[in-house]
C-alpha atoms as a PDB file:
ATOM      1  CA  MET A   1     -31.404  26.952   3.475  1.00  0.00           C
ATOM      2  CA  ALA A   2     -29.614  24.466   5.541  1.00  0.00           C
ATOM      3  CA  ASP A   3     -26.419  22.550   4.522  1.00  0.00           C
ATOM      4  CA  LEU A   4     -26.477  19.652   2.196  1.00  0.00           C
ATOM      5  CA  ALA A   5     -25.992  15.911   2.951  1.00  0.00           C
ATOM      6  CA  PRO A   6     -22.505  14.970   1.472  1.00  0.00           C
ATOM      7  CA  LEU A   7     -23.025  12.208  -1.404  1.00  0.00           C
ATOM      8  CA  VAL A   8     -20.304   9.830  -2.176  1.00  0.00           C
ATOM      9  CA  LEU A   9     -20.976   7.796  -5.475  1.00  0.00           C
ATOM     10  CA  LEU A  10     -19.196   5.271  -6.663  1.00  0.00           C
ATOM     11  CA  PRO A  11     -18.943   3.394 -10.488  1.00  0.00           C
ATOM     12  CA  GLY A  12     -18.710   0.759 -11.393  1.00  0.00           C
ATOM     13  CA  LEU A  13     -16.498  -1.209 -13.939  1.00  0.00           C
ATOM     14  CA  LEU A  14     -15.774   1.094 -17.173  1.00  0.00           C
ATOM     15  CA  CYS A  15     -17.933   3.262 -15.590  1.00  0.00           C
ATOM     16  CA  ASP A  16     -17.679   6.606 -14.792  1.00  0.00           C
ATOM     17  CA  ALA A  17     -18.893   9.687 -13.635  1.00  0.00           C
ATOM     18  CA  ARG A  18     -22.357   9.650 -16.789  1.00  0.00           C
ATOM     19  CA  LEU A  19     -23.571   6.828 -14.664  1.00  0.00           C
ATOM     20  CA  TRP A  20     -25.332   9.214 -12.022  1.00  0.00           C
ATOM     21  CA  ARG A  21     -25.841  11.543 -13.943  1.00  0.00           C
ATOM     22  CA  GLU A  22     -29.770  11.421 -13.677  1.00  0.00           C
ATOM     23  CA  GLN A  23     -29.062  10.853  -9.932  1.00  0.00           C
ATOM     24  CA  ALA A  24     -27.617  13.757  -9.476  1.00  0.00           C
ATOM     25  CA  LEU A  25     -29.711  16.084 -11.401  1.00  0.00           C
ATOM     26  CA  ALA A  26     -32.855  14.291  -8.799  1.00  0.00           C
ATOM     27  CA  LEU A  27     -31.051  14.866  -5.426  1.00  0.00           C
ATOM     28  CA  HIS A  28     -29.375  18.092  -6.536  1.00  0.00           C
ATOM     29  CA  ASP A  29     -31.515  19.794  -4.573  1.00  0.00           C
ATOM     30  CA  VAL A  30     -30.430  17.334  -0.669  1.00  0.00           C
ATOM     31  CA  ALA A  31     -27.153  16.004  -1.036  1.00  0.00           C
ATOM     32  CA  ASP A  32     -24.475  17.250  -2.207  1.00  0.00           C
ATOM     33  CA  ILE A  33     -22.782  14.440  -4.468  1.00  0.00           C
ATOM     34  CA  GLN A  34     -19.441  13.951  -5.685  1.00  0.00           C
ATOM     35  CA  VAL A  35     -18.328  10.701  -8.345  1.00  0.00           C
ATOM     36  CA  ALA A  36     -15.749   9.176  -7.258  1.00  0.00           C
ATOM     37  CA  ASP A  37     -13.066   8.236 -10.370  1.00  0.00           C
ATOM     38  CA  LEU A  38     -12.256   4.684  -9.642  1.00  0.00           C
ATOM     39  CA  THR A  39      -9.755   4.652 -12.852  1.00  0.00           C
ATOM     40  CA  LEU A  40      -6.683   5.438 -11.483  1.00  0.00           C
ATOM     41  CA  ASP A  41      -5.563   2.146  -9.458  1.00  0.00           C
ATOM     42  CA  ASP A  42      -5.182  -1.396  -9.461  1.00  0.00           C
ATOM     43  CA  SER A  43      -6.111  -2.380  -6.019  1.00  0.00           C
ATOM     44  CA  VAL A  44      -9.607  -2.277  -4.206  1.00  0.00           C
ATOM     45  CA  ALA A  45      -7.674  -0.654  -1.130  1.00  0.00           C
ATOM     46  CA  ALA A  46      -6.317   1.808  -3.029  1.00  0.00           C
ATOM     47  CA  MET A  47      -9.188   2.884  -4.778  1.00  0.00           C
ATOM     48  CA  ALA A  48     -10.569   3.695  -1.361  1.00  0.00           C
ATOM     49  CA  ALA A  49      -8.443   5.536   0.120  1.00  0.00           C
ATOM     50  CA  ARG A  50      -8.244   7.743  -2.913  1.00  0.00           C
ATOM     51  CA  VAL A  51     -12.152   8.212  -2.124  1.00  0.00           C
ATOM     52  CA  LEU A  52     -11.780   8.836   1.623  1.00  0.00           C
ATOM     53  CA  ALA A  53      -8.809  11.061   0.783  1.00  0.00           C
ATOM     54  CA  ALA A  54     -10.842  13.604  -1.781  1.00  0.00           C
ATOM     55  CA  ALA A  55     -14.230  12.913   0.721  1.00  0.00           C
ATOM     56  CA  PRO A  56     -15.465  15.352   3.682  1.00  0.00           C
ATOM     57  CA  GLU A  57     -15.369  14.466   6.891  1.00  0.00           C
ATOM     58  CA  ARG A  58     -18.567  12.187   6.726  1.00  0.00           C
ATOM     59  CA  PHE A  59     -20.598  11.038   3.968  1.00  0.00           C
ATOM     60  CA  ALA A  60     -23.176   9.129   2.600  1.00  0.00           C
ATOM     61  CA  LEU A  61     -21.608   6.482   0.127  1.00  0.00           C
ATOM     62  CA  GLY A  62     -22.974   4.151  -2.680  1.00  0.00           C
ATOM     63  CA  GLY A  63     -22.342   2.095  -5.225  1.00  0.00           C
ATOM     64  CA  LEU A  64     -22.492  -0.122  -8.038  1.00  0.00           C
ATOM     65  CA  SER A  65     -20.981  -2.988  -8.538  1.00  0.00           C
ATOM     66  CA  MET A  66     -17.013  -2.257  -8.701  1.00  0.00           C
ATOM     67  CA  GLY A  67     -17.892   0.605  -6.678  1.00  0.00           C
ATOM     68  CA  GLY A  68     -19.650  -1.536  -4.558  1.00  0.00           C
ATOM     69  CA  TYR A  69     -16.041  -3.397  -3.585  1.00  0.00           C
ATOM     70  CA  VAL A  70     -14.624  -0.797  -3.439  1.00  0.00           C
ATOM     71  CA  ALA A  71     -17.385   0.471  -1.098  1.00  0.00           C
ATOM     72  CA  PHE A  72     -16.776  -2.466   1.586  1.00  0.00           C
ATOM     73  CA  GLU A  73     -13.511  -1.420   1.439  1.00  0.00           C
ATOM     74  CA  ILE A  74     -14.552   2.290   2.513  1.00  0.00           C
ATOM     75  CA  LEU A  75     -15.875   0.929   5.408  1.00  0.00           C
ATOM     76  CA  ARG A  76     -13.168  -1.226   6.425  1.00  0.00           C
ATOM     77  CA  GLN A  77     -11.057   1.624   6.326  1.00  0.00           C
ATOM     78  CA  ALA A  78     -13.622   4.118   7.894  1.00  0.00           C
ATOM     79  CA  PRO A  79     -16.475   2.914   8.758  1.00  0.00           C
ATOM     80  CA  GLU A  80     -17.209   6.488  11.360  1.00  0.00           C
ATOM     81  CA  ARG A  81     -16.375   8.573   8.308  1.00  0.00           C
ATOM     82  CA  VAL A  82     -19.789   7.149   6.562  1.00  0.00           C
ATOM     83  CA  THR A  83     -23.405   8.544   7.935  1.00  0.00           C
ATOM     84  CA  ARG A  84     -25.124   5.899   4.820  1.00  0.00           C
ATOM     85  CA  LEU A  85     -24.844   2.882   3.105  1.00  0.00           C
ATOM     86  CA  ALA A  86     -26.413   2.187  -0.552  1.00  0.00           C
ATOM     87  CA  LEU A  87     -25.381  -0.800  -2.297  1.00  0.00           C
ATOM     88  CA  PHE A  88     -26.078  -1.607  -5.868  1.00  0.00           C
ATOM     89  CA  SER A  89     -25.784  -4.752  -7.989  1.00  0.00           C
ATOM     90  CA  THR A  90     -23.058  -5.708  -5.598  1.00  0.00           C
ATOM     91  CA  SER A  91     -21.368  -8.320  -3.911  1.00  0.00           C
ATOM     92  CA  ALA A  92     -19.116  -9.153  -0.836  1.00  0.00           C
ATOM     93  CA  ALA A  93     -18.439 -12.232  -1.298  1.00  0.00           C
ATOM     94  CA  PRO A  94     -15.463 -12.765  -4.230  1.00  0.00           C
ATOM     95  CA  ASP A  95     -15.199 -13.953  -7.646  1.00  0.00           C
ATOM     96  CA  SER A  96     -15.991 -18.131  -7.644  1.00  0.00           C
ATOM     97  CA  PRO A  97     -13.049 -19.521 -10.000  1.00  0.00           C
ATOM     98  CA  GLN A  98     -15.118 -19.246 -13.831  1.00  0.00           C
ATOM     99  CA  ARG A  99     -15.832 -15.101 -13.137  1.00  0.00           C
ATOM    100  CA  ALA A 100     -12.336 -15.029 -12.095  1.00  0.00           C
ATOM    101  CA  GLU A 101     -10.934 -16.867 -15.272  1.00  0.00           C
ATOM    102  CA  GLN A 102     -13.628 -14.927 -17.948  1.00  0.00           C
ATOM    103  CA  ARG A 103     -11.927 -11.805 -16.243  1.00  0.00           C
ATOM    104  CA  ARG A 104      -8.001 -13.091 -17.129  1.00  0.00           C
ATOM    105  CA  ARG A 105      -9.923 -13.376 -20.526  1.00  0.00           C
ATOM    106  CA  ALA A 106     -10.941 -10.009 -21.032  1.00  0.00           C
ATOM    107  CA  MET A 107      -7.494  -9.298 -20.283  1.00  0.00           C
ATOM    108  CA  ALA A 108      -5.718 -11.328 -22.411  1.00  0.00           C
ATOM    109  CA  ALA A 109      -8.073  -9.899 -25.036  1.00  0.00           C
ATOM    110  CA  LEU A 110      -7.075  -6.453 -24.432  1.00  0.00           C
ATOM    111  CA  SER A 111      -3.387  -7.498 -24.567  1.00  0.00           C
ATOM    112  CA  VAL A 112      -3.890  -8.009 -27.717  1.00  0.00           C
ATOM    113  CA  GLY A 113      -6.244  -4.924 -29.476  1.00  0.00           C
ATOM    114  CA  ARG A 114      -9.583  -6.307 -28.894  1.00  0.00           C
ATOM    115  CA  PHE A 115     -10.744  -3.700 -26.095  1.00  0.00           C
ATOM    116  CA  LEU A 116     -14.190  -2.342 -28.386  1.00  0.00           C
ATOM    117  CA  GLY A 117     -14.854  -5.997 -28.430  1.00  0.00           C
ATOM    118  CA  VAL A 118     -14.229  -7.285 -24.769  1.00  0.00           C
ATOM    119  CA  THR A 119     -16.891  -4.066 -24.631  1.00  0.00           C
ATOM    120  CA  GLN A 120     -19.675  -5.853 -26.730  1.00  0.00           C
ATOM    121  CA  GLN A 121     -18.709  -9.151 -25.237  1.00  0.00           C
ATOM    122  CA  MET A 122     -19.865  -7.722 -21.664  1.00  0.00           C
ATOM    123  CA  MET A 123     -23.005  -5.898 -22.826  1.00  0.00           C
ATOM    124  CA  PRO A 124     -25.478  -8.835 -21.968  1.00  0.00           C
ATOM    125  CA  GLN A 125     -24.111  -9.082 -18.326  1.00  0.00           C
ATOM    126  CA  LEU A 126     -24.304  -5.089 -18.110  1.00  0.00           C
ATOM    127  CA  LEU A 127     -28.053  -4.661 -19.859  1.00  0.00           C
ATOM    128  CA  PRO A 128     -30.871  -6.790 -20.188  1.00  0.00           C
ATOM    129  CA  PRO A 129     -31.873  -8.465 -23.428  1.00  0.00           C
ATOM    130  CA  SER A 130     -34.060  -5.498 -24.823  1.00  0.00           C
ATOM    131  CA  ARG A 131     -31.959  -2.527 -24.297  1.00  0.00           C
ATOM    132  CA  LEU A 132     -28.822  -3.726 -26.166  1.00  0.00           C
ATOM    133  CA  ASN A 133     -29.261  -1.848 -29.063  1.00  0.00           C
ATOM    134  CA  ASP A 134     -31.516   1.568 -27.386  1.00  0.00           C
ATOM    135  CA  PRO A 135     -30.386   4.719 -26.431  1.00  0.00           C
ATOM    136  CA  LEU A 136     -28.904   3.652 -23.360  1.00  0.00           C
ATOM    137  CA  ALA A 137     -26.223   0.740 -25.358  1.00  0.00           C
ATOM    138  CA  GLY A 138     -25.020   3.255 -26.724  1.00  0.00           C
ATOM    139  CA  GLU A 139     -24.567   5.802 -23.375  1.00  0.00           C
ATOM    140  CA  VAL A 140     -22.880   2.310 -21.829  1.00  0.00           C
ATOM    141  CA  LYS A 141     -20.374   2.154 -24.598  1.00  0.00           C
ATOM    142  CA  ALA A 142     -19.569   5.684 -24.521  1.00  0.00           C
ATOM    143  CA  MET A 143     -19.153   5.441 -20.971  1.00  0.00           C
ATOM    144  CA  ALA A 144     -16.704   2.471 -22.194  1.00  0.00           C
ATOM    145  CA  GLY A 145     -14.826   4.032 -24.202  1.00  0.00           C
ATOM    146  CA  ARG A 146     -14.206   7.534 -22.144  1.00  0.00           C
ATOM    147  CA  VAL A 147     -12.739   4.974 -18.935  1.00  0.00           C
ATOM    148  CA  GLY A 148     -10.401   3.038 -22.504  1.00  0.00           C
ATOM    149  CA  GLY A 149      -8.455  -0.074 -22.133  1.00  0.00           C
ATOM    150  CA  GLU A 150      -5.514   0.516 -19.886  1.00  0.00           C
ATOM    151  CA  ALA A 151      -8.464   1.315 -16.267  1.00  0.00           C
ATOM    152  CA  PHE A 152     -10.374  -1.181 -17.232  1.00  0.00           C
ATOM    153  CA  LEU A 153      -6.598  -3.281 -17.112  1.00  0.00           C
ATOM    154  CA  ARG A 154      -6.218  -2.208 -13.643  1.00  0.00           C
ATOM    155  CA  GLN A 155     -10.281  -2.562 -12.771  1.00  0.00           C
ATOM    156  CA  GLN A 156     -10.203  -6.034 -13.874  1.00  0.00           C
ATOM    157  CA  ARG A 157      -6.409  -6.412 -11.598  1.00  0.00           C
ATOM    158  CA  ALA A 158      -7.849  -4.795  -8.440  1.00  0.00           C
ATOM    159  CA  ILE A 159     -11.409  -7.265  -8.886  1.00  0.00           C
ATOM    160  CA  LEU A 160      -8.803 -10.047  -8.554  1.00  0.00           C
END
């Protein structure tokens, strides 16, 4: 069997490797998959640098939402290393003033101990109404709980 193609996947805000579990299972015979941890840094540039330090010399790249922001930065820092790119539900544009204010409010709510409320408040932005009370919603909430409030603050600072 030929060598597997390296693929780096970038989770979104409040997401961990669980986000990509089904894709990793489906692609295991064609790709050597690495899911980046985007919870450790408070700037997109630092997130991208960390991913690049751990990534193979050349790799395909996929990103969801905030992971897409990091993908754009990876392309800025080392475009020659990315062989293919897939972006999902992301943007190259900065937040609108209204969205930036929503992020600041979410961060302020967390500072007074309301992390679960922030997560619940965000659910309608993450899932369609028909999925807000099914097992998928539970998976999303569990993932956010694993990521935690401190990482949420770092991620929000990076996005802002």
